[in-house]
Amino acid sequence: MKILASTMLLGSALLFSACTSAPASSSTVLGDDELGGESNDGESPKADGTDTFGIMTAQKIGAFECNGAGSCTHVELARAGRSTTPCADLKTHATCAVRTLDFSKLNLSAKALAAVSTKLQASASTPAIGPQLLVRGQYVHGTNPVMPSLDWVTFQVSELWVAQLDNGTLDGTFVMVRDRGIRCITAPCPVFAETRVNSTRASNIEGLDWSDEQMADATTAAVADAVYEAETQPDGAIVNGFRTHSSSGPASTFRSVEQVFLRVK
């Protein structure tokens, strides 16, 4: 369990919820997640809502890269938080296989592309860590240079999110967390909006529930910048975590941070 505390981020007057690991005397407890599960998720966004549809996890299969014509690169795509995924064959499957991810439309620097490639390769070298990339984009059909009769499907990425925690897990709910633009002088104060990824369901929360180890990492500051800087980071952060509540004092609602993804611009 975790004990809730508050911390002020240097250089801003922004309140970010922090937590420390503890035994039974925790001030936050796990609760039922109203954004968990696939019921009532729908298949398209509302006109006046946050569009999180089409965001997929991307995990490389096979630890080694095959070079030359007929490259055997294999990436598995799956809708984040959903059990089925529309694929290039116009059918729905649990996952969709593509030959590779095409990042050319993002105009990434050589350094950024190398970092993203390292994350993708890590998901193949150590499959237990799970996908380290989230992507949106479109399937592109091509011709296999060795076997022309086979469909050479790649995925052209238009939006890319990268995992920030080296020891993160993906057992919770995927939500996009954004600043609501409100400030309060009394608690509880639900300053964040969270929208379930690939769903129209949403909720308001008081903050993100971090562990002691995470709070010692620069990641928390980067996530705070992404969530609070609405003008420059309108997409906030994508968090995978569980619903937690304060166990004493004003009733407050939080999202634990098991893994967090930030968008690559």
C-alpha atoms as a PDB file:
ATOM      1  CA  MET A   1       0.000   0.000   0.000  1.00  0.00           C
ATOM      2  CA  LYS A   2       1.033   3.637  -0.276  1.00  0.00           C
ATOM      3  CA  ILE A   3       1.005   6.695   1.947  1.00  0.00           C
ATOM      4  CA  LEU A   4      -0.183   9.863   0.269  1.00  0.00           C
ATOM      5  CA  ALA A   5       1.868  13.023   0.611  1.00  0.00           C
ATOM      6  CA  SER A   6       2.042  16.298  -1.298  1.00  0.00           C
ATOM      7  CA  THR A   7       4.992  17.887  -3.054  1.00  0.00           C
ATOM      8  CA  MET A   8       5.443  21.217  -4.801  1.00  0.00           C
ATOM      9  CA  LEU A   9       7.387  21.085  -8.028  1.00  0.00           C
ATOM     10  CA  LEU A  10      10.199  23.613  -8.233  1.00  0.00           C
ATOM     11  CA  GLY A  11       9.576  26.422 -10.664  1.00  0.00           C
ATOM     12  CA  SER A  12       5.799  26.105 -10.531  1.00  0.00           C
ATOM     13  CA  ALA A  13       2.911  26.414  -8.154  1.00  0.00           C
ATOM     14  CA  LEU A  14       1.493  23.075  -9.178  1.00  0.00           C
ATOM     15  CA  LEU A  15       0.377  20.458  -6.688  1.00  0.00           C
ATOM     16  CA  PHE A  16       1.353  16.937  -7.708  1.00  0.00           C
ATOM     17  CA  SER A  17       0.280  13.953  -5.582  1.00  0.00           C
ATOM     18  CA  ALA A  18       3.106  11.770  -4.306  1.00  0.00           C
ATOM     19  CA  CYS A  19       3.222   8.567  -2.305  1.00  0.00           C
ATOM     20  CA  THR A  20       5.580   6.432  -0.289  1.00  0.00           C
ATOM     21  CA  SER A  21       5.589   2.700   0.217  1.00  0.00           C
ATOM     22  CA  ALA A  22       4.307   1.476   3.570  1.00  0.00           C
ATOM     23  CA  PRO A  23       2.656  -1.501   5.298  1.00  0.00           C
ATOM     24  CA  ALA A  24      -0.913  -1.526   6.625  1.00  0.00           C
ATOM     25  CA  SER A  25      -0.881   2.107   7.832  1.00  0.00           C
ATOM     26  CA  SER A  26      -1.223   3.398   4.282  1.00  0.00           C
ATOM     27  CA  SER A  27      -3.202   6.578   3.656  1.00  0.00           C
ATOM     28  CA  THR A  28      -4.277   5.330   0.238  1.00  0.00           C
ATOM     29  CA  VAL A  29      -6.027   2.053  -0.468  1.00  0.00           C
ATOM     30  CA  LEU A  30      -6.940   0.176  -3.633  1.00  0.00           C
ATOM     31  CA  GLY A  31     -10.536   0.546  -4.759  1.00  0.00           C
ATOM     32  CA  ASP A  32     -12.897  -0.559  -7.508  1.00  0.00           C
ATOM     33  CA  ASP A  33     -11.832   0.987 -10.813  1.00  0.00           C
ATOM     34  CA  GLU A  34     -14.835   2.488 -12.591  1.00  0.00           C
ATOM     35  CA  LEU A  35     -12.720   2.801 -15.735  1.00  0.00           C
ATOM     36  CA  GLY A  36     -11.543  -0.819 -15.674  1.00  0.00           C
ATOM     37  CA  GLY A  37     -12.961  -3.514 -17.945  1.00  0.00           C
ATOM     38  CA  GLU A  38     -14.315  -3.203 -21.482  1.00  0.00           C
ATOM     39  CA  SER A  39     -18.028  -2.767 -20.820  1.00  0.00           C
ATOM     40  CA  ASN A  40     -19.597   0.256 -22.546  1.00  0.00           C
ATOM     41  CA  ASP A  41     -16.339   1.268 -24.208  1.00  0.00           C
ATOM     42  CA  GLY A  42     -17.841   1.775 -27.655  1.00  0.00           C
ATOM     43  CA  GLU A  43     -15.837   1.972 -30.867  1.00  0.00           C
ATOM     44  CA  SER A  44     -15.625   5.702 -31.605  1.00  0.00           C
ATOM     45  CA  PRO A  45     -15.097   8.928 -29.650  1.00  0.00           C
ATOM     46  CA  LYS A  46     -17.793  11.395 -28.696  1.00  0.00           C
ATOM     47  CA  ALA A  47     -17.729  14.663 -30.597  1.00  0.00           C
ATOM     48  CA  ASP A  48     -17.155  16.657 -27.402  1.00  0.00           C
ATOM     49  CA  GLY A  49     -14.842  14.172 -25.693  1.00  0.00           C
ATOM     50  CA  THR A  50     -11.165  13.253 -25.627  1.00  0.00           C
ATOM     51  CA  ASP A  51     -10.245  10.956 -28.520  1.00  0.00           C
ATOM     52  CA  THR A  52      -8.085   8.074 -27.294  1.00  0.00           C
ATOM     53  CA  PHE A  53      -9.266   5.597 -29.935  1.00  0.00           C
ATOM     54  CA  GLY A  54      -6.739   3.788 -32.116  1.00  0.00           C
ATOM     55  CA  ILE A  55      -3.918   3.891 -29.552  1.00  0.00           C
ATOM     56  CA  MET A  56      -2.117   0.546 -29.652  1.00  0.00           C
ATOM     57  CA  THR A  57       0.673  -1.149 -27.795  1.00  0.00           C
ATOM     58  CA  ALA A  58       3.612  -2.166 -30.005  1.00  0.00           C
ATOM     59  CA  GLN A  59       5.895  -5.040 -29.029  1.00  0.00           C
ATOM     60  CA  LYS A  60       8.665  -6.503 -31.153  1.00  0.00           C
ATOM     61  CA  ILE A  61       8.667 -10.298 -31.425  1.00  0.00           C
ATOM     62  CA  GLY A  62      12.039 -12.053 -31.607  1.00  0.00           C
ATOM     63  CA  ALA A  63      15.159 -10.678 -29.985  1.00  0.00           C
ATOM     64  CA  PHE A  64      17.259 -10.564 -33.166  1.00  0.00           C
ATOM     65  CA  GLU A  65      16.900  -8.409 -36.250  1.00  0.00           C
ATOM     66  CA  CYS A  66      17.036 -10.065 -39.692  1.00  0.00           C
ATOM     67  CA  ASN A  67      18.877  -8.047 -42.291  1.00  0.00           C
ATOM     68  CA  GLY A  68      18.610  -7.804 -46.055  1.00  0.00           C
ATOM     69  CA  ALA A  69      15.736  -8.503 -48.419  1.00  0.00           C
ATOM     70  CA  GLY A  70      12.882 -10.343 -46.759  1.00  0.00           C
ATOM     71  CA  SER A  71      13.656  -8.914 -43.323  1.00  0.00           C
ATOM     72  CA  CYS A  72      11.947 -10.996 -40.646  1.00  0.00           C
ATOM     73  CA  THR A  73      11.146  -8.092 -38.343  1.00  0.00           C
ATOM     74  CA  HIS A  74       7.859  -8.780 -36.566  1.00  0.00           C
ATOM     75  CA  VAL A  75       5.889  -6.313 -34.423  1.00  0.00           C
ATOM     76  CA  GLU A  76       2.630  -7.165 -32.656  1.00  0.00           C
ATOM     77  CA  LEU A  77       0.043  -4.405 -32.276  1.00  0.00           C
ATOM     78  CA  ALA A  78      -2.883  -4.515 -29.848  1.00  0.00           C
ATOM     79  CA  ARG A  79      -5.426  -1.891 -28.852  1.00  0.00           C
ATOM     80  CA  ALA A  80      -4.407  -0.653 -25.414  1.00  0.00           C
ATOM     81  CA  GLY A  81      -6.853  -1.919 -22.830  1.00  0.00           C
ATOM     82  CA  ARG A  82      -8.980  -3.872 -25.307  1.00  0.00           C
ATOM     83  CA  SER A  83      -9.161  -7.588 -26.084  1.00  0.00           C
ATOM     84  CA  THR A  84      -9.590  -7.236 -29.860  1.00  0.00           C
ATOM     85  CA  THR A  85      -7.854  -5.154 -32.513  1.00  0.00           C
ATOM     86  CA  PRO A  86      -8.819  -4.237 -36.109  1.00  0.00           C
ATOM     87  CA  CYS A  87      -6.043  -5.462 -38.412  1.00  0.00           C
ATOM     88  CA  ALA A  88      -4.811  -4.798 -41.932  1.00  0.00           C
ATOM     89  CA  ASP A  89      -6.886  -7.702 -43.305  1.00  0.00           C
ATOM     90  CA  LEU A  90     -10.035  -5.757 -42.267  1.00  0.00           C
ATOM     91  CA  LYS A  91     -10.782  -8.411 -39.654  1.00  0.00           C
ATOM     92  CA  THR A  92     -10.606  -8.233 -35.878  1.00  0.00           C
ATOM     93  CA  HIS A  93      -8.030 -10.286 -33.991  1.00  0.00           C
ATOM     94  CA  ALA A  94      -6.470 -10.354 -30.532  1.00  0.00           C
ATOM     95  CA  THR A  95      -3.309  -8.809 -31.995  1.00  0.00           C
ATOM     96  CA  CYS A  96      -2.144  -7.657 -35.420  1.00  0.00           C
ATOM     97  CA  ALA A  97       1.241  -8.518 -36.927  1.00  0.00           C
ATOM     98  CA  VAL A  98       3.180  -6.002 -39.026  1.00  0.00           C
ATOM     99  CA  ARG A  99       6.650  -6.233 -40.498  1.00  0.00           C
ATOM    100  CA  THR A 100       7.913  -3.053 -38.908  1.00  0.00           C
ATOM    101  CA  LEU A 101       6.976   0.407 -37.642  1.00  0.00           C
ATOM    102  CA  ASP A 102       7.523   3.310 -40.031  1.00  0.00           C
ATOM    103  CA  PHE A 103       8.461   6.453 -38.064  1.00  0.00           C
ATOM    104  CA  SER A 104       9.330   8.568 -41.128  1.00  0.00           C
ATOM    105  CA  LYS A 105       6.283  10.858 -40.787  1.00  0.00           C
ATOM    106  CA  LEU A 106       7.385  11.943 -37.303  1.00  0.00           C
ATOM    107  CA  ASN A 107      10.653  13.498 -38.500  1.00  0.00           C
ATOM    108  CA  LEU A 108      12.519  12.245 -35.448  1.00  0.00           C
ATOM    109  CA  SER A 109      16.125  13.224 -34.899  1.00  0.00           C
ATOM    110  CA  ALA A 110      18.731  10.478 -35.198  1.00  0.00           C
ATOM    111  CA  LYS A 111      19.092  10.489 -31.409  1.00  0.00           C
ATOM    112  CA  ALA A 112      15.354  10.226 -30.787  1.00  0.00           C
ATOM    113  CA  LEU A 113      14.944   7.463 -33.382  1.00  0.00           C
ATOM    114  CA  ALA A 114      17.787   5.496 -31.782  1.00  0.00           C
ATOM    115  CA  ALA A 115      16.161   5.823 -28.363  1.00  0.00           C
ATOM    116  CA  VAL A 116      12.786   4.656 -29.696  1.00  0.00           C
ATOM    117  CA  SER A 117      14.405   1.721 -31.510  1.00  0.00           C
ATOM    118  CA  THR A 118      16.140   0.733 -28.266  1.00  0.00           C
ATOM    119  CA  LYS A 119      12.799   0.716 -26.452  1.00  0.00           C
ATOM    120  CA  LEU A 120      11.226  -1.418 -29.171  1.00  0.00           C
ATOM    121  CA  GLN A 121      14.131  -3.864 -29.135  1.00  0.00           C
ATOM    122  CA  ALA A 122      13.966  -4.083 -25.329  1.00  0.00           C
ATOM    123  CA  SER A 123      10.399  -5.389 -25.547  1.00  0.00           C
ATOM    124  CA  ALA A 124      11.712  -8.257 -27.689  1.00  0.00           C
ATOM    125  CA  SER A 125      14.889  -8.973 -25.723  1.00  0.00           C
ATOM    126  CA  THR A 126      12.966  -9.034 -22.426  1.00  0.00           C
ATOM    127  CA  PRO A 127       9.323  -9.829 -23.290  1.00  0.00           C
ATOM    128  CA  ALA A 128       8.289  -9.807 -19.623  1.00  0.00           C
ATOM    129  CA  ILE A 129       8.537  -6.000 -19.499  1.00  0.00           C
ATOM    130  CA  GLY A 130       5.751  -5.771 -22.057  1.00  0.00           C
ATOM    131  CA  PRO A 131       5.307  -3.191 -24.814  1.00  0.00           C
ATOM    132  CA  GLN A 132       7.370  -0.047 -24.348  1.00  0.00           C
ATOM    133  CA  LEU A 133       5.706   1.938 -27.130  1.00  0.00           C
ATOM    134  CA  LEU A 134       2.165   3.148 -27.789  1.00  0.00           C
ATOM    135  CA  VAL A 135       1.326   4.161 -31.353  1.00  0.00           C
ATOM    136  CA  ARG A 136      -1.426   5.565 -33.510  1.00  0.00           C
ATOM    137  CA  GLY A 137      -1.322   5.496 -37.295  1.00  0.00           C
ATOM    138  CA  GLN A 138      -2.320   3.381 -40.263  1.00  0.00           C
ATOM    139  CA  TYR A 139      -1.510   0.095 -41.920  1.00  0.00           C
ATOM    140  CA  VAL A 140       0.382   0.287 -45.205  1.00  0.00           C
ATOM    141  CA  HIS A 141       0.320  -2.611 -47.667  1.00  0.00           C
ATOM    142  CA  GLY A 142       3.429  -3.393 -49.676  1.00  0.00           C
ATOM    143  CA  THR A 143       5.214  -6.149 -51.611  1.00  0.00           C
ATOM    144  CA  ASN A 144       7.507  -8.706 -50.032  1.00  0.00           C
ATOM    145  CA  PRO A 145      10.776  -8.555 -52.041  1.00  0.00           C
ATOM    146  CA  VAL A 146      11.343 -12.313 -51.618  1.00  0.00           C
ATOM    147  CA  MET A 147       7.775 -13.620 -51.845  1.00  0.00           C
ATOM    148  CA  PRO A 148       5.743 -11.105 -53.871  1.00  0.00           C
ATOM    149  CA  SER A 149       2.517 -13.037 -53.288  1.00  0.00           C
ATOM    150  CA  LEU A 150       2.629 -12.197 -49.555  1.00  0.00           C
ATOM    151  CA  ASP A 151       1.214  -8.957 -48.190  1.00  0.00           C
ATOM    152  CA  TRP A 152       4.084  -6.874 -46.750  1.00  0.00           C
ATOM    153  CA  VAL A 153       2.213  -4.894 -44.083  1.00  0.00           C
ATOM    154  CA  THR A 154       3.951  -2.109 -42.194  1.00  0.00           C
ATOM    155  CA  PHE A 155       2.479   0.421 -39.770  1.00  0.00           C
ATOM    156  CA  GLN A 156       3.012   4.115 -40.476  1.00  0.00           C
ATOM    157  CA  VAL A 157       3.154   5.868 -37.100  1.00  0.00           C
ATOM    158  CA  SER A 158       1.523   9.304 -36.781  1.00  0.00           C
ATOM    159  CA  GLU A 159       1.582   9.457 -32.977  1.00  0.00           C
ATOM    160  CA  LEU A 160       4.161   7.885 -30.655  1.00  0.00           C
ATOM    161  CA  TRP A 161       4.284   7.456 -26.874  1.00  0.00           C
ATOM    162  CA  VAL A 162       7.277   5.984 -25.012  1.00  0.00           C
ATOM    163  CA  ALA A 163       7.345   4.171 -21.646  1.00  0.00           C
ATOM    164  CA  GLN A 164       9.241   6.086 -18.948  1.00  0.00           C
ATOM    165  CA  LEU A 165       9.692   3.565 -16.107  1.00  0.00           C
ATOM    166  CA  ASP A 166      12.325   0.849 -16.473  1.00  0.00           C
ATOM    167  CA  ASN A 167      10.594  -1.380 -13.907  1.00  0.00           C
ATOM    168  CA  GLY A 168       7.022  -0.574 -14.875  1.00  0.00           C
ATOM    169  CA  THR A 169       4.161  -3.027 -15.349  1.00  0.00           C
ATOM    170  CA  LEU A 170       1.033  -2.968 -17.509  1.00  0.00           C
ATOM    171  CA  ASP A 171      -1.482  -4.862 -15.370  1.00  0.00           C
ATOM    172  CA  GLY A 172      -3.702  -1.870 -14.644  1.00  0.00           C
ATOM    173  CA  THR A 173      -5.969   0.385 -16.712  1.00  0.00           C
ATOM    174  CA  PHE A 174      -4.649   2.590 -19.517  1.00  0.00           C
ATOM    175  CA  VAL A 175      -5.845   6.182 -19.050  1.00  0.00           C
ATOM    176  CA  MET A 176      -4.915   9.516 -20.598  1.00  0.00           C
ATOM    177  CA  VAL A 177      -4.411  12.037 -17.781  1.00  0.00           C
ATOM    178  CA  ARG A 178      -4.801  15.758 -18.449  1.00  0.00           C
ATOM    179  CA  ASP A 179      -5.065  18.972 -16.454  1.00  0.00           C
ATOM    180  CA  ARG A 180      -8.651  20.221 -16.089  1.00  0.00           C
ATOM    181  CA  GLY A 181      -7.486  23.793 -15.638  1.00  0.00           C
ATOM    182  CA  ILE A 182      -9.075  24.268 -12.209  1.00  0.00           C
ATOM    183  CA  ARG A 183      -7.444  25.055  -8.849  1.00  0.00           C
ATOM    184  CA  CYS A 184      -8.925  24.743  -5.362  1.00  0.00           C
ATOM    185  CA  ILE A 185      -8.086  25.939  -1.867  1.00  0.00           C
ATOM    186  CA  THR A 186      -9.812  23.040  -0.125  1.00  0.00           C
ATOM    187  CA  ALA A 187      -9.637  19.251  -0.562  1.00  0.00           C
ATOM    188  CA  PRO A 188     -10.701  17.164  -2.319  1.00  0.00           C
ATOM    189  CA  CYS A 189      -9.845  18.943  -5.563  1.00  0.00           C
ATOM    190  CA  PRO A 190     -10.122  16.841  -8.761  1.00  0.00           C
ATOM    191  CA  VAL A 191      -7.694  18.849 -10.911  1.00  0.00           C
ATOM    192  CA  PHE A 192      -7.022  16.002 -13.357  1.00  0.00           C
ATOM    193  CA  ALA A 193      -9.271  14.373 -15.939  1.00  0.00           C
ATOM    194  CA  GLU A 194      -8.548  10.775 -16.885  1.00  0.00           C
ATOM    195  CA  THR A 195     -10.034   9.142 -19.984  1.00  0.00           C
ATOM    196  CA  ARG A 196      -9.812   5.396 -20.477  1.00  0.00           C
ATOM    197  CA  VAL A 197      -7.776   4.669 -23.609  1.00  0.00           C
ATOM    198  CA  ASN A 198      -9.873   3.328 -26.532  1.00  0.00           C
ATOM    199  CA  SER A 199     -13.024   4.331 -24.666  1.00  0.00           C
ATOM    200  CA  THR A 200     -15.294   7.303 -24.036  1.00  0.00           C
ATOM    201  CA  ARG A 201     -15.436   6.631 -20.293  1.00  0.00           C
ATOM    202  CA  ALA A 202     -13.810   9.265 -18.115  1.00  0.00           C
ATOM    203  CA  SER A 203     -13.413  10.355 -14.518  1.00  0.00           C
ATOM    204  CA  ASN A 204     -11.865  13.170 -12.483  1.00  0.00           C
ATOM    205  CA  ILE A 205      -9.115  12.534  -9.943  1.00  0.00           C
ATOM    206  CA  GLU A 206      -7.121  14.447  -7.357  1.00  0.00           C
ATOM    207  CA  GLY A 207      -3.720  13.221  -8.476  1.00  0.00           C
ATOM    208  CA  LEU A 208      -1.310  10.470  -9.430  1.00  0.00           C
ATOM    209  CA  ASP A 209      -0.271   7.939  -6.795  1.00  0.00           C
ATOM    210  CA  TRP A 210       3.529   7.566  -7.000  1.00  0.00           C
ATOM    211  CA  SER A 211       5.816   5.228  -5.072  1.00  0.00           C
ATOM    212  CA  ASP A 212       8.822   6.415  -3.050  1.00  0.00           C
ATOM    213  CA  GLU A 213      11.224   5.030  -5.650  1.00  0.00           C
ATOM    214  CA  GLN A 214       9.399   6.800  -8.472  1.00  0.00           C
ATOM    215  CA  MET A 215       9.412  10.118  -6.623  1.00  0.00           C
ATOM    216  CA  ALA A 216      13.208   9.990  -6.501  1.00  0.00           C
ATOM    217  CA  ASP A 217      13.300   9.763 -10.300  1.00  0.00           C
ATOM    218  CA  ALA A 218      13.266  12.678 -12.738  1.00  0.00           C
ATOM    219  CA  THR A 219      10.358  10.954 -14.509  1.00  0.00           C
ATOM    220  CA  THR A 220       7.865  12.513 -12.105  1.00  0.00           C
ATOM    221  CA  ALA A 221       8.883  16.030 -13.117  1.00  0.00           C
ATOM    222  CA  ALA A 222       8.627  15.151 -16.822  1.00  0.00           C
ATOM    223  CA  VAL A 223       5.159  13.694 -16.288  1.00  0.00           C
ATOM    224  CA  ALA A 224       4.084  16.759 -14.309  1.00  0.00           C
ATOM    225  CA  ASP A 225       5.248  18.999 -17.148  1.00  0.00           C
ATOM    226  CA  ALA A 226       3.294  16.918 -19.653  1.00  0.00           C
ATOM    227  CA  VAL A 227       0.105  16.873 -17.576  1.00  0.00           C
ATOM    228  CA  TYR A 228       0.095  20.488 -16.426  1.00  0.00           C
ATOM    229  CA  GLU A 229       1.451  22.267 -19.494  1.00  0.00           C
ATOM    230  CA  ALA A 230      -1.844  22.152 -21.367  1.00  0.00           C
ATOM    231  CA  GLU A 231      -0.775  24.672 -23.991  1.00  0.00           C
ATOM    232  CA  THR A 232       2.407  22.834 -25.035  1.00  0.00           C
ATOM    233  CA  GLN A 233       1.439  19.269 -24.050  1.00  0.00           C
ATOM    234  CA  PRO A 234      -2.305  19.033 -24.775  1.00  0.00           C
ATOM    235  CA  ASP A 235      -2.266  15.232 -24.659  1.00  0.00           C
ATOM    236  CA  GLY A 236      -0.974  15.005 -21.094  1.00  0.00           C
ATOM    237  CA  ALA A 237       0.370  11.571 -20.152  1.00  0.00           C
ATOM    238  CA  ILE A 238      -0.877   8.022 -20.623  1.00  0.00           C
ATOM    239  CA  VAL A 239      -0.759   6.150 -17.327  1.00  0.00           C
ATOM    240  CA  ASN A 240      -1.268   2.467 -16.637  1.00  0.00           C
ATOM    241  CA  GLY A 241      -2.356   1.967 -13.051  1.00  0.00           C
ATOM    242  CA  PHE A 242      -5.034   1.177 -10.502  1.00  0.00           C
ATOM    243  CA  ARG A 243      -7.704   3.165  -8.703  1.00  0.00           C
ATOM    244  CA  THR A 244      -6.699   4.253  -5.214  1.00  0.00           C
ATOM    245  CA  HIS A 245      -8.474   6.331  -2.578  1.00  0.00           C
ATOM    246  CA  SER A 246      -7.442   8.183   0.545  1.00  0.00           C
ATOM    247  CA  SER A 247      -8.036   6.033   3.605  1.00  0.00           C
ATOM    248  CA  SER A 248      -8.561   8.990   5.944  1.00  0.00           C
ATOM    249  CA  GLY A 249      -9.413  12.671   5.745  1.00  0.00           C
ATOM    250  CA  PRO A 250     -11.279  14.143   2.754  1.00  0.00           C
ATOM    251  CA  ALA A 251     -12.443  11.489   0.294  1.00  0.00           C
ATOM    252  CA  SER A 252      -9.981  11.665  -2.604  1.00  0.00           C
ATOM    253  CA  THR A 253      -9.472   9.579  -5.732  1.00  0.00           C
ATOM    254  CA  PHE A 254      -6.156   8.804  -7.414  1.00  0.00           C
ATOM    255  CA  ARG A 255      -4.522   6.684 -10.140  1.00  0.00           C
ATOM    256  CA  SER A 256      -1.474   4.642  -9.178  1.00  0.00           C
ATOM    257  CA  VAL A 257       1.427   4.865 -11.617  1.00  0.00           C
ATOM    258  CA  GLU A 258       2.555   1.370 -12.626  1.00  0.00           C
ATOM    259  CA  GLN A 259       3.841   2.641 -15.992  1.00  0.00           C
ATOM    260  CA  VAL A 260       3.599   6.010 -17.730  1.00  0.00           C
ATOM    261  CA  PHE A 261       4.025   6.952 -21.387  1.00  0.00           C
ATOM    262  CA  LEU A 262       4.932  10.394 -22.711  1.00  0.00           C
ATOM    263  CA  ARG A 263       4.334  11.516 -26.266  1.00  0.00           C
ATOM    264  CA  VAL A 264       7.301  12.011 -28.562  1.00  0.00           C
ATOM    265  CA  LYS A 265       6.915  15.284 -30.444  1.00  0.00           C
END
